[in-house]
C-alpha atoms as a PDB file:
ATOM      1  CA  MET A   1      13.313   1.301  -1.576  1.00  0.00           C
ATOM      2  CA  LYS A   2      14.184   0.936   1.906  1.00  0.00           C
ATOM      3  CA  SER A   3      14.078  -2.170   3.844  1.00  0.00           C
ATOM      4  CA  GLU A   4      11.652  -0.660   6.015  1.00  0.00           C
ATOM      5  CA  HIS A   5       9.197  -0.769   2.810  1.00  0.00           C
ATOM      6  CA  THR A   6       9.920  -4.296   2.352  1.00  0.00           C
ATOM      7  CA  ILE A   7       9.493  -5.157   6.074  1.00  0.00           C
ATOM      8  CA  ALA A   8       6.040  -3.391   5.865  1.00  0.00           C
ATOM      9  CA  VAL A   9       4.778  -5.278   2.913  1.00  0.00           C
ATOM     10  CA  GLY A  10       4.487  -8.218   5.566  1.00  0.00           C
ATOM     11  CA  ASP A  11       2.140  -6.076   7.662  1.00  0.00           C
ATOM     12  CA  LEU A  12      -0.407  -5.919   5.090  1.00  0.00           C
ATOM     13  CA  PRO A  13      -3.397  -8.044   5.218  1.00  0.00           C
ATOM     14  CA  GLN A  14      -3.880 -10.222   2.161  1.00  0.00           C
ATOM     15  CA  LEU A  15      -6.507  -7.919   0.114  1.00  0.00           C
ATOM     16  CA  HIS A  16      -4.597  -7.474  -2.862  1.00  0.00           C
ATOM     17  CA  LYS A  17      -2.313 -10.082  -4.741  1.00  0.00           C
ATOM     18  CA  ASP A  18      -0.470  -7.991  -6.966  1.00  0.00           C
ATOM     19  CA  PRO A  19       3.134  -7.569  -5.234  1.00  0.00           C
ATOM     20  CA  PHE A  20       3.662  -4.186  -6.773  1.00  0.00           C
ATOM     21  CA  ASP A  21       0.682  -2.710  -5.732  1.00  0.00           C
ATOM     22  CA  ARG A  22       1.337  -3.813  -2.161  1.00  0.00           C
ATOM     23  CA  LEU A  23       4.845  -2.392  -2.053  1.00  0.00           C
ATOM     24  CA  LEU A  24       3.133   0.937  -3.046  1.00  0.00           C
ATOM     25  CA  ILE A  25       0.930   0.580  -0.400  1.00  0.00           C
ATOM     26  CA  ALA A  26       3.804  -0.223   1.978  1.00  0.00           C
ATOM     27  CA  GLN A  27       5.953   2.687   0.976  1.00  0.00           C
ATOM     28  CA  ALA A  28       3.007   5.314   1.283  1.00  0.00           C
ATOM     29  CA  ARG A  29       2.543   4.134   4.861  1.00  0.00           C
ATOM     30  CA  VAL A  30       6.158   4.259   5.767  1.00  0.00           C
ATOM     31  CA  GLU A  31       6.880   7.614   4.213  1.00  0.00           C
ATOM     32  CA  GLY A  32       3.490   9.215   5.474  1.00  0.00           C
ATOM     33  CA  LEU A  33       2.265   9.712   2.149  1.00  0.00           C
ATOM     34  CA  THR A  34      -1.368   9.346   0.495  1.00  0.00           C
ATOM     35  CA  LEU A  35      -1.598   6.702  -2.344  1.00  0.00           C
ATOM     36  CA  LEU A  36      -4.351   7.923  -4.949  1.00  0.00           C
ATOM     37  CA  THR A  37      -5.938   4.822  -6.923  1.00  0.00           C
ATOM     38  CA  THR A  38      -8.718   4.018  -9.078  1.00  0.00           C
ATOM     39  CA  ASP A  39      -8.255   0.293  -7.860  1.00  0.00           C
ATOM     40  CA  THR A  40     -11.005  -0.622  -5.387  1.00  0.00           C
ATOM     41  CA  LEU A  41      -9.027  -3.363  -4.153  1.00  0.00           C
ATOM     42  CA  VAL A  42      -6.027  -1.012  -3.155  1.00  0.00           C
ATOM     43  CA  ALA A  43      -8.373   1.569  -1.753  1.00  0.00           C
ATOM     44  CA  HIS A  44      -9.578  -1.110   0.540  1.00  0.00           C
ATOM     45  CA  TYR A  45      -6.405  -0.959   2.543  1.00  0.00           C
ATOM     46  CA  GLY A  46      -7.981   2.450   3.798  1.00  0.00           C
ATOM     47  CA  GLU A  47      -5.320   4.754   5.211  1.00  0.00           C
ATOM     48  CA  PRO A  48      -2.796   5.478   3.233  1.00  0.00           C
ATOM     49  CA  THR A  49      -4.797   5.294   0.001  1.00  0.00           C
ATOM     50  CA  ARG A  50      -7.718   7.363  -1.525  1.00  0.00           C
ATOM     51  CA  LEU A  51      -9.916   6.113  -4.366  1.00  0.00           C
ATOM     52  CA  VAL A  52     -10.365   8.810  -7.077  1.00  0.00           C
END
C-alpha cells in the first residue's frame, strides 16, 4: 500500500462503510485499475468499479 492509496480513501464519498472495500476502491483509482465486484454498494462508486 502506498500513501497515495490512503489519501485517496479520504476523497471517496461515504457510500460504503467497510474500510477494506473503500481501500480497494481507492487503490484501483490511484493505479488506474478496474475493480470487479458483486457488491452493489461498491458498484455505486462508478469508475473504477464494475458490477459483475
